[in-house]
Amino acid sequence: MSPPPGQIPELVARAAAGDREAIVELLDRYRSRLRRMVALRLDPRLRGRIDASDVIQEGYLDAMRRLEEFIRDPSVPFYIWLRFLVGQRVQEQHRRHLGAPGRDVGREVSIYRSAMPGASTGLLAARLLGKLTSPSQAAQKAERKVRLQEALNRMDPLDREILVLRHYEQMTNGDVAAALGLESSAASKRYTRALTRLKEILAGLPGAGSEDGP
Protein backbone atom coordinates (compact mmCIF):
# COMPACT_ATOMS: atom_id res chain seq x y z
CA MET A 1 0.00 0.00 0.00
CA SER A 2 1.28 3.47 -0.82
CA PRO A 3 2.13 5.76 2.11
CA PRO A 4 -0.06 8.80 2.81
CA PRO A 5 0.80 12.05 0.99
CA GLY A 6 3.37 14.12 2.82
CA GLN A 7 5.33 11.10 4.04
CA ILE A 8 8.61 10.12 2.38
CA PRO A 9 9.21 6.35 2.49
CA GLU A 10 12.62 5.43 3.89
CA LEU A 11 13.38 3.46 0.74
CA VAL A 12 12.74 6.54 -1.42
CA ALA A 13 14.97 8.69 0.76
CA ARG A 14 17.77 6.11 0.58
CA ALA A 15 17.42 5.93 -3.22
CA ALA A 16 17.58 9.71 -3.47
CA ALA A 17 20.80 9.61 -1.45
CA GLY A 18 22.35 7.28 -4.03
CA ASP A 19 21.85 3.91 -2.30
CA ARG A 20 21.92 1.53 -5.29
CA GLU A 21 20.39 -1.38 -3.37
CA ALA A 22 17.49 0.86 -2.37
CA ILE A 23 17.03 1.94 -5.99
CA VAL A 24 16.87 -1.66 -7.24
CA GLU A 25 14.45 -2.68 -4.48
CA LEU A 26 12.27 0.36 -5.09
CA LEU A 27 11.93 -0.32 -8.79
CA ASP A 28 11.30 -4.05 -8.36
CA ARG A 29 8.57 -3.36 -5.81
CA TYR A 30 6.27 -1.64 -8.30
CA ARG A 31 7.16 -3.34 -11.58
CA SER A 32 4.26 -5.81 -11.74
CA ARG A 33 1.66 -3.14 -10.94
CA LEU A 34 3.07 -0.81 -13.56
CA ARG A 35 3.11 -3.60 -16.12
CA ARG A 36 -0.65 -4.07 -15.66
CA MET A 37 -1.15 -0.33 -16.08
CA VAL A 38 0.90 -0.18 -19.29
CA ALA A 39 -0.80 -3.28 -20.73
CA LEU A 40 -4.25 -1.68 -20.43
CA ARG A 41 -3.23 1.74 -21.73
CA LEU A 42 -0.80 1.00 -24.55
CA ASP A 43 -2.64 1.15 -27.86
CA PRO A 44 -3.25 -2.42 -29.18
CA ARG A 45 -1.76 -1.36 -32.53
CA LEU A 46 1.60 -1.05 -30.79
CA ARG A 47 1.71 -4.63 -29.52
CA GLY A 48 4.77 -6.37 -30.81
CA ARG A 49 6.41 -3.03 -31.55
CA ILE A 50 6.66 -1.67 -28.02
CA ASP A 51 7.85 -3.69 -25.02
CA ALA A 52 6.10 -2.72 -21.78
CA SER A 53 9.36 -3.34 -19.92
CA ASP A 54 11.10 -0.69 -22.03
CA VAL A 55 8.34 1.84 -21.31
CA ILE A 56 8.58 1.14 -17.59
CA GLN A 57 12.36 1.41 -17.66
CA GLU A 58 12.15 4.85 -19.30
CA GLY A 59 9.74 5.94 -16.58
CA TYR A 60 12.14 4.63 -13.93
CA LEU A 61 15.00 6.65 -15.42
CA ASP A 62 12.79 9.74 -15.26
CA ALA A 63 12.04 8.96 -11.63
CA MET A 64 15.70 8.59 -10.73
CA ARG A 65 16.47 11.95 -12.34
CA ARG A 66 13.59 13.62 -10.52
CA LEU A 67 13.67 11.95 -7.10
CA GLU A 68 14.76 15.15 -5.41
CA GLU A 69 11.67 16.81 -6.85
CA PHE A 70 9.47 14.24 -5.10
CA ILE A 71 11.44 14.56 -1.87
CA ARG A 72 10.87 18.32 -1.87
CA ASP A 73 7.14 18.03 -2.52
CA PRO A 74 5.67 14.59 -1.70
CA SER A 75 2.12 15.79 -2.32
CA VAL A 76 0.94 12.34 -3.46
CA PRO A 77 1.98 8.79 -2.54
CA PHE A 78 5.23 7.71 -4.20
CA TYR A 79 3.57 5.06 -6.34
CA ILE A 80 1.13 7.60 -7.79
CA TRP A 81 4.04 9.86 -8.71
CA LEU A 82 6.00 6.99 -10.29
CA ARG A 83 2.92 5.74 -12.14
CA PHE A 84 2.37 9.22 -13.57
CA LEU A 85 5.91 9.29 -15.00
CA VAL A 86 5.47 5.87 -16.61
CA GLY A 87 2.07 6.95 -17.95
CA GLN A 88 3.66 9.93 -19.61
CA ARG A 89 6.06 7.57 -21.35
CA VAL A 90 3.06 5.59 -22.66
CA GLN A 91 1.65 8.86 -23.97
CA GLU A 92 4.95 9.62 -25.66
CA GLN A 93 4.92 6.25 -27.46
CA HIS A 94 1.46 7.01 -28.81
CA ARG A 95 2.58 10.35 -30.16
CA ARG A 96 5.77 8.90 -31.61
CA HIS A 97 4.28 5.90 -33.37
CA LEU A 98 0.68 6.88 -34.06
CA GLY A 99 0.95 10.61 -34.55
CA ALA A 100 -2.50 11.16 -33.06
CA PRO A 101 -4.38 9.28 -30.31
CA GLY A 102 -6.55 6.38 -31.40
CA ARG A 103 -10.20 5.91 -30.56
CA ASP A 104 -9.74 4.31 -27.14
CA VAL A 105 -6.52 6.10 -26.37
CA GLY A 106 -8.21 9.44 -26.97
CA ARG A 107 -10.38 8.96 -23.89
CA GLU A 108 -7.91 10.56 -21.55
CA VAL A 109 -8.61 11.16 -17.89
CA SER A 110 -6.87 13.79 -15.81
CA ILE A 111 -4.50 11.92 -13.53
CA TYR A 112 -2.27 13.54 -10.95
CA ARG A 113 -1.01 16.62 -12.85
CA SER A 114 -2.06 16.02 -16.45
CA ALA A 115 -3.80 13.56 -18.74
CA MET A 116 -2.61 10.11 -19.70
CA PRO A 117 -4.14 7.48 -22.00
CA GLY A 118 -7.29 5.86 -20.77
CA ALA A 119 -7.60 2.09 -20.60
CA SER A 120 -8.51 0.39 -23.86
CA THR A 121 -12.20 -0.49 -23.58
CA GLY A 122 -11.60 -3.43 -25.92
CA LEU A 123 -9.05 -4.94 -23.57
CA LEU A 124 -11.18 -4.06 -20.57
CA ALA A 125 -14.20 -5.82 -22.09
CA ALA A 126 -12.14 -8.93 -22.85
CA ARG A 127 -10.83 -9.09 -19.30
CA LEU A 128 -14.28 -8.63 -17.80
CA LEU A 129 -15.69 -11.47 -19.87
CA GLY A 130 -12.79 -13.83 -19.28
CA LYS A 131 -12.26 -17.00 -21.29
CA LEU A 132 -14.93 -19.41 -22.50
CA THR A 133 -14.47 -23.10 -21.77
CA SER A 134 -16.55 -24.25 -24.73
CA PRO A 135 -15.62 -23.44 -28.37
CA SER A 136 -19.34 -23.62 -29.27
CA GLN A 137 -19.94 -20.48 -27.22
CA ALA A 138 -17.33 -18.40 -29.07
CA ALA A 139 -19.90 -16.59 -31.26
CA GLN A 140 -21.94 -15.58 -28.23
CA LYS A 141 -18.82 -14.37 -26.47
CA ALA A 142 -17.88 -12.22 -29.46
CA GLU A 143 -21.32 -10.60 -29.43
CA ARG A 144 -21.11 -10.00 -25.70
CA LYS A 145 -17.67 -8.42 -26.04
CA VAL A 146 -18.87 -5.97 -28.69
CA ARG A 147 -21.91 -4.99 -26.65
CA LEU A 148 -19.89 -4.68 -23.46
CA GLN A 149 -17.28 -2.50 -25.16
CA GLU A 150 -20.00 -0.25 -26.56
CA ALA A 151 -21.51 0.10 -23.08
CA LEU A 152 -18.12 0.87 -21.53
CA ASN A 153 -17.56 3.53 -24.18
CA ARG A 154 -20.80 5.21 -23.09
CA MET A 155 -19.85 5.26 -19.40
CA ASP A 156 -18.59 8.46 -17.85
CA PRO A 157 -14.80 8.35 -18.48
CA LEU A 158 -14.04 9.13 -14.84
CA ASP A 159 -16.32 6.37 -13.56
CA ARG A 160 -14.76 3.90 -15.99
CA GLU A 161 -11.30 5.01 -14.89
CA ILE A 162 -12.16 4.42 -11.24
CA LEU A 163 -13.22 0.85 -12.03
CA VAL A 164 -9.93 0.25 -13.84
CA LEU A 165 -7.87 1.70 -11.00
CA ARG A 166 -9.67 -0.28 -8.30
CA HIS A 167 -10.01 -3.64 -10.04
CA TYR A 168 -7.14 -3.91 -12.50
CA GLU A 169 -4.48 -1.65 -11.06
CA GLN A 170 -5.49 -2.78 -7.56
CA MET A 171 -5.37 0.67 -5.99
CA THR A 172 -6.85 1.55 -2.63
CA ASN A 173 -9.58 4.17 -2.52
CA GLY A 174 -7.03 6.61 -1.08
CA ASP A 175 -4.63 6.07 -3.98
CA VAL A 176 -7.48 6.46 -6.49
CA ALA A 177 -8.44 9.76 -4.89
CA ALA A 178 -4.82 10.97 -5.03
CA ALA A 179 -4.40 9.88 -8.66
CA LEU A 180 -7.59 11.56 -9.83
CA GLY A 181 -7.42 14.65 -7.64
CA LEU A 182 -10.62 13.76 -5.76
CA GLU A 183 -11.63 13.78 -2.13
CA SER A 184 -11.61 10.28 -0.68
CA SER A 185 -15.35 10.36 -0.05
CA ALA A 186 -16.04 11.48 -3.62
CA ALA A 187 -13.87 8.69 -5.04
CA SER A 188 -15.73 6.16 -2.89
CA LYS A 189 -19.15 7.39 -4.01
CA ARG A 190 -18.17 7.40 -7.67
CA TYR A 191 -16.78 3.87 -7.36
CA THR A 192 -20.06 2.62 -5.85
CA ARG A 193 -22.01 4.27 -8.65
CA ALA A 194 -19.71 2.91 -11.35
CA LEU A 195 -19.82 -0.60 -9.92
CA THR A 196 -23.62 -0.54 -9.86
CA ARG A 197 -23.69 0.61 -13.47
CA LEU A 198 -21.22 -2.09 -14.52
CA LYS A 199 -23.33 -4.80 -12.88
CA GLU A 200 -26.38 -3.53 -14.78
CA ILE A 201 -24.44 -3.66 -18.04
CA LEU A 202 -23.18 -7.19 -17.43
CA ALA A 203 -26.65 -8.40 -16.43
CA GLY A 204 -28.05 -7.15 -19.73
CA LEU A 205 -25.60 -9.02 -21.94
CA PRO A 206 -26.61 -12.14 -23.93
CA GLY A 207 -26.16 -15.28 -21.85
CA ALA A 208 -25.52 -13.31 -18.67
CA GLY A 209 -26.73 -16.17 -16.50
CA SER A 210 -24.58 -18.87 -18.14
CA GLU A 211 -21.58 -20.53 -16.51
CA ASP A 212 -19.15 -18.71 -18.73
CA GLY A 213 -20.05 -15.25 -17.36
CA PRO A 214 -17.37 -12.90 -15.94
C-alpha atoms as a PDB file:
ATOM      1  CA  MET A   1       0.000   0.000   0.000  1.00  0.00           C
ATOM      2  CA  SER A   2       1.280   3.473  -0.819  1.00  0.00           C
ATOM      3  CA  PRO A   3       2.129   5.759   2.114  1.00  0.00           C
ATOM      4  CA  PRO A   4      -0.060   8.802   2.807  1.00  0.00           C
ATOM      5  CA  PRO A   5       0.798  12.051   0.989  1.00  0.00           C
ATOM      6  CA  GLY A   6       3.374  14.118   2.819  1.00  0.00           C
ATOM      7  CA  GLN A   7       5.334  11.100   4.036  1.00  0.00           C
ATOM      8  CA  ILE A   8       8.606  10.115   2.384  1.00  0.00           C
ATOM      9  CA  PRO A   9       9.208   6.351   2.494  1.00  0.00           C
ATOM     10  CA  GLU A  10      12.617   5.426   3.889  1.00  0.00           C
ATOM     11  CA  LEU A  11      13.375   3.465   0.737  1.00  0.00           C
ATOM     12  CA  VAL A  12      12.741   6.544  -1.418  1.00  0.00           C
ATOM     13  CA  ALA A  13      14.974   8.695   0.765  1.00  0.00           C
ATOM     14  CA  ARG A  14      17.766   6.110   0.578  1.00  0.00           C
ATOM     15  CA  ALA A  15      17.417   5.925  -3.217  1.00  0.00           C
ATOM     16  CA  ALA A  16      17.582   9.711  -3.468  1.00  0.00           C
ATOM     17  CA  ALA A  17      20.799   9.610  -1.450  1.00  0.00           C
ATOM     18  CA  GLY A  18      22.355   7.276  -4.034  1.00  0.00           C
ATOM     19  CA  ASP A  19      21.850   3.913  -2.302  1.00  0.00           C
ATOM     20  CA  ARG A  20      21.918   1.533  -5.285  1.00  0.00           C
ATOM     21  CA  GLU A  21      20.388  -1.377  -3.370  1.00  0.00           C
ATOM     22  CA  ALA A  22      17.492   0.856  -2.367  1.00  0.00           C
ATOM     23  CA  ILE A  23      17.030   1.938  -5.992  1.00  0.00           C
ATOM     24  CA  VAL A  24      16.868  -1.657  -7.239  1.00  0.00           C
ATOM     25  CA  GLU A  25      14.453  -2.680  -4.475  1.00  0.00           C
ATOM     26  CA  LEU A  26      12.271   0.360  -5.089  1.00  0.00           C
ATOM     27  CA  LEU A  27      11.926  -0.321  -8.786  1.00  0.00           C
ATOM     28  CA  ASP A  28      11.298  -4.045  -8.364  1.00  0.00           C
ATOM     29  CA  ARG A  29       8.572  -3.364  -5.812  1.00  0.00           C
ATOM     30  CA  TYR A  30       6.274  -1.636  -8.303  1.00  0.00           C
ATOM     31  CA  ARG A  31       7.161  -3.337 -11.581  1.00  0.00           C
ATOM     32  CA  SER A  32       4.258  -5.809 -11.736  1.00  0.00           C
ATOM     33  CA  ARG A  33       1.660  -3.142 -10.935  1.00  0.00           C
ATOM     34  CA  LEU A  34       3.066  -0.812 -13.557  1.00  0.00           C
ATOM     35  CA  ARG A  35       3.114  -3.603 -16.125  1.00  0.00           C
ATOM     36  CA  ARG A  36      -0.647  -4.068 -15.661  1.00  0.00           C
ATOM     37  CA  MET A  37      -1.152  -0.334 -16.081  1.00  0.00           C
ATOM     38  CA  VAL A  38       0.898  -0.176 -19.288  1.00  0.00           C
ATOM     39  CA  ALA A  39      -0.800  -3.281 -20.734  1.00  0.00           C
ATOM     40  CA  LEU A  40      -4.249  -1.684 -20.425  1.00  0.00           C
ATOM     41  CA  ARG A  41      -3.229   1.740 -21.732  1.00  0.00           C
ATOM     42  CA  LEU A  42      -0.805   0.997 -24.548  1.00  0.00           C
ATOM     43  CA  ASP A  43      -2.643   1.150 -27.862  1.00  0.00           C
ATOM     44  CA  PRO A  44      -3.253  -2.416 -29.182  1.00  0.00           C
ATOM     45  CA  ARG A  45      -1.764  -1.365 -32.528  1.00  0.00           C
ATOM     46  CA  LEU A  46       1.603  -1.054 -30.794  1.00  0.00           C
ATOM     47  CA  ARG A  47       1.705  -4.627 -29.518  1.00  0.00           C
ATOM     48  CA  GLY A  48       4.773  -6.374 -30.806  1.00  0.00           C
ATOM     49  CA  ARG A  49       6.407  -3.032 -31.545  1.00  0.00           C
ATOM     50  CA  ILE A  50       6.659  -1.670 -28.019  1.00  0.00           C
ATOM     51  CA  ASP A  51       7.847  -3.690 -25.020  1.00  0.00           C
ATOM     52  CA  ALA A  52       6.102  -2.720 -21.781  1.00  0.00           C
ATOM     53  CA  SER A  53       9.361  -3.336 -19.917  1.00  0.00           C
ATOM     54  CA  ASP A  54      11.100  -0.687 -22.027  1.00  0.00           C
ATOM     55  CA  VAL A  55       8.344   1.837 -21.311  1.00  0.00           C
ATOM     56  CA  ILE A  56       8.577   1.144 -17.585  1.00  0.00           C
ATOM     57  CA  GLN A  57      12.357   1.414 -17.657  1.00  0.00           C
ATOM     58  CA  GLU A  58      12.148   4.846 -19.298  1.00  0.00           C
ATOM     59  CA  GLY A  59       9.743   5.940 -16.582  1.00  0.00           C
ATOM     60  CA  TYR A  60      12.137   4.635 -13.927  1.00  0.00           C
ATOM     61  CA  LEU A  61      14.996   6.654 -15.423  1.00  0.00           C
ATOM     62  CA  ASP A  62      12.788   9.740 -15.265  1.00  0.00           C
ATOM     63  CA  ALA A  63      12.039   8.964 -11.627  1.00  0.00           C
ATOM     64  CA  MET A  64      15.704   8.585 -10.732  1.00  0.00           C
ATOM     65  CA  ARG A  65      16.470  11.946 -12.337  1.00  0.00           C
ATOM     66  CA  ARG A  66      13.592  13.619 -10.519  1.00  0.00           C
ATOM     67  CA  LEU A  67      13.673  11.950  -7.101  1.00  0.00           C
ATOM     68  CA  GLU A  68      14.760  15.148  -5.407  1.00  0.00           C
ATOM     69  CA  GLU A  69      11.671  16.814  -6.853  1.00  0.00           C
ATOM     70  CA  PHE A  70       9.473  14.242  -5.105  1.00  0.00           C
ATOM     71  CA  ILE A  71      11.443  14.564  -1.872  1.00  0.00           C
ATOM     72  CA  ARG A  72      10.867  18.324  -1.871  1.00  0.00           C
ATOM     73  CA  ASP A  73       7.138  18.031  -2.521  1.00  0.00           C
ATOM     74  CA  PRO A  74       5.669  14.590  -1.700  1.00  0.00           C
ATOM     75  CA  SER A  75       2.116  15.787  -2.323  1.00  0.00           C
ATOM     76  CA  VAL A  76       0.938  12.343  -3.459  1.00  0.00           C
ATOM     77  CA  PRO A  77       1.979   8.788  -2.536  1.00  0.00           C
ATOM     78  CA  PHE A  78       5.230   7.713  -4.202  1.00  0.00           C
ATOM     79  CA  TYR A  79       3.570   5.062  -6.338  1.00  0.00           C
ATOM     80  CA  ILE A  80       1.127   7.603  -7.793  1.00  0.00           C
ATOM     81  CA  TRP A  81       4.043   9.863  -8.711  1.00  0.00           C
ATOM     82  CA  LEU A  82       6.002   6.993 -10.288  1.00  0.00           C
ATOM     83  CA  ARG A  83       2.922   5.743 -12.145  1.00  0.00           C
ATOM     84  CA  PHE A  84       2.373   9.218 -13.566  1.00  0.00           C
ATOM     85  CA  LEU A  85       5.911   9.288 -14.997  1.00  0.00           C
ATOM     86  CA  VAL A  86       5.470   5.866 -16.610  1.00  0.00           C
ATOM     87  CA  GLY A  87       2.072   6.949 -17.950  1.00  0.00           C
ATOM     88  CA  GLN A  88       3.663   9.933 -19.610  1.00  0.00           C
ATOM     89  CA  ARG A  89       6.058   7.569 -21.353  1.00  0.00           C
ATOM     90  CA  VAL A  90       3.058   5.595 -22.656  1.00  0.00           C
ATOM     91  CA  GLN A  91       1.651   8.862 -23.967  1.00  0.00           C
ATOM     92  CA  GLU A  92       4.951   9.616 -25.658  1.00  0.00           C
ATOM     93  CA  GLN A  93       4.920   6.247 -27.462  1.00  0.00           C
ATOM     94  CA  HIS A  94       1.457   7.011 -28.810  1.00  0.00           C
ATOM     95  CA  ARG A  95       2.585  10.349 -30.164  1.00  0.00           C
ATOM     96  CA  ARG A  96       5.771   8.898 -31.610  1.00  0.00           C
ATOM     97  CA  HIS A  97       4.276   5.897 -33.369  1.00  0.00           C
ATOM     98  CA  LEU A  98       0.679   6.882 -34.062  1.00  0.00           C
ATOM     99  CA  GLY A  99       0.945  10.612 -34.549  1.00  0.00           C
ATOM    100  CA  ALA A 100      -2.498  11.156 -33.065  1.00  0.00           C
ATOM    101  CA  PRO A 101      -4.379   9.276 -30.315  1.00  0.00           C
ATOM    102  CA  GLY A 102      -6.549   6.377 -31.401  1.00  0.00           C
ATOM    103  CA  ARG A 103     -10.205   5.912 -30.560  1.00  0.00           C
ATOM    104  CA  ASP A 104      -9.741   4.306 -27.137  1.00  0.00           C
ATOM    105  CA  VAL A 105      -6.519   6.097 -26.372  1.00  0.00           C
ATOM    106  CA  GLY A 106      -8.207   9.439 -26.971  1.00  0.00           C
ATOM    107  CA  ARG A 107     -10.383   8.959 -23.889  1.00  0.00           C
ATOM    108  CA  GLU A 108      -7.909  10.562 -21.551  1.00  0.00           C
ATOM    109  CA  VAL A 109      -8.614  11.163 -17.889  1.00  0.00           C
ATOM    110  CA  SER A 110      -6.871  13.792 -15.810  1.00  0.00           C
ATOM    111  CA  ILE A 111      -4.504  11.921 -13.530  1.00  0.00           C
ATOM    112  CA  TYR A 112      -2.271  13.538 -10.952  1.00  0.00           C
ATOM    113  CA  ARG A 113      -1.006  16.623 -12.853  1.00  0.00           C
ATOM    114  CA  SER A 114      -2.060  16.022 -16.447  1.00  0.00           C
ATOM    115  CA  ALA A 115      -3.803  13.561 -18.737  1.00  0.00           C
ATOM    116  CA  MET A 116      -2.608  10.112 -19.701  1.00  0.00           C
ATOM    117  CA  PRO A 117      -4.138   7.485 -22.003  1.00  0.00           C
ATOM    118  CA  GLY A 118      -7.290   5.857 -20.767  1.00  0.00           C
ATOM    119  CA  ALA A 119      -7.596   2.092 -20.596  1.00  0.00           C
ATOM    120  CA  SER A 120      -8.514   0.389 -23.865  1.00  0.00           C
ATOM    121  CA  THR A 121     -12.202  -0.495 -23.584  1.00  0.00           C
ATOM    122  CA  GLY A 122     -11.601  -3.433 -25.917  1.00  0.00           C
ATOM    123  CA  LEU A 123      -9.045  -4.939 -23.568  1.00  0.00           C
ATOM    124  CA  LEU A 124     -11.182  -4.064 -20.566  1.00  0.00           C
ATOM    125  CA  ALA A 125     -14.205  -5.817 -22.088  1.00  0.00           C
ATOM    126  CA  ALA A 126     -12.144  -8.930 -22.853  1.00  0.00           C
ATOM    127  CA  ARG A 127     -10.830  -9.088 -19.296  1.00  0.00           C
ATOM    128  CA  LEU A 128     -14.276  -8.626 -17.797  1.00  0.00           C
ATOM    129  CA  LEU A 129     -15.690 -11.470 -19.870  1.00  0.00           C
ATOM    130  CA  GLY A 130     -12.793 -13.834 -19.280  1.00  0.00           C
ATOM    131  CA  LYS A 131     -12.257 -17.005 -21.294  1.00  0.00           C
ATOM    132  CA  LEU A 132     -14.929 -19.410 -22.498  1.00  0.00           C
ATOM    133  CA  THR A 133     -14.470 -23.103 -21.768  1.00  0.00           C
ATOM    134  CA  SER A 134     -16.554 -24.252 -24.726  1.00  0.00           C
ATOM    135  CA  PRO A 135     -15.619 -23.436 -28.369  1.00  0.00           C
ATOM    136  CA  SER A 136     -19.335 -23.618 -29.271  1.00  0.00           C
ATOM    137  CA  GLN A 137     -19.935 -20.475 -27.225  1.00  0.00           C
ATOM    138  CA  ALA A 138     -17.330 -18.400 -29.073  1.00  0.00           C
ATOM    139  CA  ALA A 139     -19.895 -16.591 -31.259  1.00  0.00           C
ATOM    140  CA  GLN A 140     -21.938 -15.584 -28.230  1.00  0.00           C
ATOM    141  CA  LYS A 141     -18.823 -14.365 -26.468  1.00  0.00           C
ATOM    142  CA  ALA A 142     -17.876 -12.219 -29.461  1.00  0.00           C
ATOM    143  CA  GLU A 143     -21.316 -10.595 -29.430  1.00  0.00           C
ATOM    144  CA  ARG A 144     -21.106 -10.000 -25.699  1.00  0.00           C
ATOM    145  CA  LYS A 145     -17.670  -8.416 -26.041  1.00  0.00           C
ATOM    146  CA  VAL A 146     -18.870  -5.974 -28.691  1.00  0.00           C
ATOM    147  CA  ARG A 147     -21.913  -4.988 -26.654  1.00  0.00           C
ATOM    148  CA  LEU A 148     -19.893  -4.679 -23.464  1.00  0.00           C
ATOM    149  CA  GLN A 149     -17.283  -2.502 -25.161  1.00  0.00           C
ATOM    150  CA  GLU A 150     -20.002  -0.245 -26.561  1.00  0.00           C
ATOM    151  CA  ALA A 151     -21.514   0.100 -23.079  1.00  0.00           C
ATOM    152  CA  LEU A 152     -18.123   0.866 -21.525  1.00  0.00           C
ATOM    153  CA  ASN A 153     -17.563   3.531 -24.185  1.00  0.00           C
ATOM    154  CA  ARG A 154     -20.803   5.206 -23.089  1.00  0.00           C
ATOM    155  CA  MET A 155     -19.853   5.257 -19.404  1.00  0.00           C
ATOM    156  CA  ASP A 156     -18.595   8.459 -17.849  1.00  0.00           C
ATOM    157  CA  PRO A 157     -14.804   8.351 -18.477  1.00  0.00           C
ATOM    158  CA  LEU A 158     -14.038   9.134 -14.840  1.00  0.00           C
ATOM    159  CA  ASP A 159     -16.316   6.366 -13.561  1.00  0.00           C
ATOM    160  CA  ARG A 160     -14.758   3.904 -15.992  1.00  0.00           C
ATOM    161  CA  GLU A 161     -11.297   5.012 -14.895  1.00  0.00           C
ATOM    162  CA  ILE A 162     -12.156   4.421 -11.244  1.00  0.00           C
ATOM    163  CA  LEU A 163     -13.219   0.845 -12.033  1.00  0.00           C
ATOM    164  CA  VAL A 164      -9.932   0.245 -13.837  1.00  0.00           C
ATOM    165  CA  LEU A 165      -7.873   1.698 -10.996  1.00  0.00           C
ATOM    166  CA  ARG A 166      -9.667  -0.278  -8.304  1.00  0.00           C
ATOM    167  CA  HIS A 167     -10.008  -3.638 -10.037  1.00  0.00           C
ATOM    168  CA  TYR A 168      -7.138  -3.907 -12.504  1.00  0.00           C
ATOM    169  CA  GLU A 169      -4.480  -1.653 -11.058  1.00  0.00           C
ATOM    170  CA  GLN A 170      -5.491  -2.782  -7.555  1.00  0.00           C
ATOM    171  CA  MET A 171      -5.368   0.670  -5.989  1.00  0.00           C
ATOM    172  CA  THR A 172      -6.855   1.548  -2.635  1.00  0.00           C
ATOM    173  CA  ASN A 173      -9.581   4.167  -2.518  1.00  0.00           C
ATOM    174  CA  GLY A 174      -7.032   6.611  -1.079  1.00  0.00           C
ATOM    175  CA  ASP A 175      -4.633   6.065  -3.977  1.00  0.00           C
ATOM    176  CA  VAL A 176      -7.480   6.455  -6.487  1.00  0.00           C
ATOM    177  CA  ALA A 177      -8.438   9.760  -4.887  1.00  0.00           C
ATOM    178  CA  ALA A 178      -4.824  10.969  -5.034  1.00  0.00           C
ATOM    179  CA  ALA A 179      -4.404   9.877  -8.659  1.00  0.00           C
ATOM    180  CA  LEU A 180      -7.591  11.562  -9.829  1.00  0.00           C
ATOM    181  CA  GLY A 181      -7.421  14.649  -7.636  1.00  0.00           C
ATOM    182  CA  LEU A 182     -10.621  13.759  -5.764  1.00  0.00           C
ATOM    183  CA  GLU A 183     -11.630  13.783  -2.129  1.00  0.00           C
ATOM    184  CA  SER A 184     -11.605  10.275  -0.682  1.00  0.00           C
ATOM    185  CA  SER A 185     -15.353  10.361  -0.049  1.00  0.00           C
ATOM    186  CA  ALA A 186     -16.043  11.485  -3.622  1.00  0.00           C
ATOM    187  CA  ALA A 187     -13.874   8.690  -5.036  1.00  0.00           C
ATOM    188  CA  SER A 188     -15.731   6.157  -2.894  1.00  0.00           C
ATOM    189  CA  LYS A 189     -19.151   7.394  -4.012  1.00  0.00           C
ATOM    190  CA  ARG A 190     -18.167   7.397  -7.670  1.00  0.00           C
ATOM    191  CA  TYR A 191     -16.784   3.875  -7.355  1.00  0.00           C
ATOM    192  CA  THR A 192     -20.057   2.615  -5.852  1.00  0.00           C
ATOM    193  CA  ARG A 193     -22.012   4.270  -8.653  1.00  0.00           C
ATOM    194  CA  ALA A 194     -19.707   2.912 -11.348  1.00  0.00           C
ATOM    195  CA  LEU A 195     -19.817  -0.605  -9.918  1.00  0.00           C
ATOM    196  CA  THR A 196     -23.621  -0.540  -9.865  1.00  0.00           C
ATOM    197  CA  ARG A 197     -23.693   0.613 -13.473  1.00  0.00           C
ATOM    198  CA  LEU A 198     -21.223  -2.088 -14.522  1.00  0.00           C
ATOM    199  CA  LYS A 199     -23.328  -4.797 -12.879  1.00  0.00           C
ATOM    200  CA  GLU A 200     -26.378  -3.529 -14.783  1.00  0.00           C
ATOM    201  CA  ILE A 201     -24.438  -3.659 -18.037  1.00  0.00           C
ATOM    202  CA  LEU A 202     -23.182  -7.188 -17.427  1.00  0.00           C
ATOM    203  CA  ALA A 203     -26.649  -8.404 -16.433  1.00  0.00           C
ATOM    204  CA  GLY A 204     -28.052  -7.153 -19.732  1.00  0.00           C
ATOM    205  CA  LEU A 205     -25.604  -9.020 -21.935  1.00  0.00           C
ATOM    206  CA  PRO A 206     -26.609 -12.138 -23.931  1.00  0.00           C
ATOM    207  CA  GLY A 207     -26.159 -15.280 -21.853  1.00  0.00           C
ATOM    208  CA  ALA A 208     -25.517 -13.313 -18.670  1.00  0.00           C
ATOM    209  CA  GLY A 209     -26.733 -16.168 -16.503  1.00  0.00           C
ATOM    210  CA  SER A 210     -24.576 -18.867 -18.139  1.00  0.00           C
ATOM    211  CA  GLU A 211     -21.583 -20.535 -16.509  1.00  0.00           C
ATOM    212  CA  ASP A 212     -19.149 -18.707 -18.734  1.00  0.00           C
ATOM    213  CA  GLY A 213     -20.052 -15.252 -17.365  1.00  0.00           C
ATOM    214  CA  PRO A 214     -17.370 -12.900 -15.943  1.00  0.00           C
END
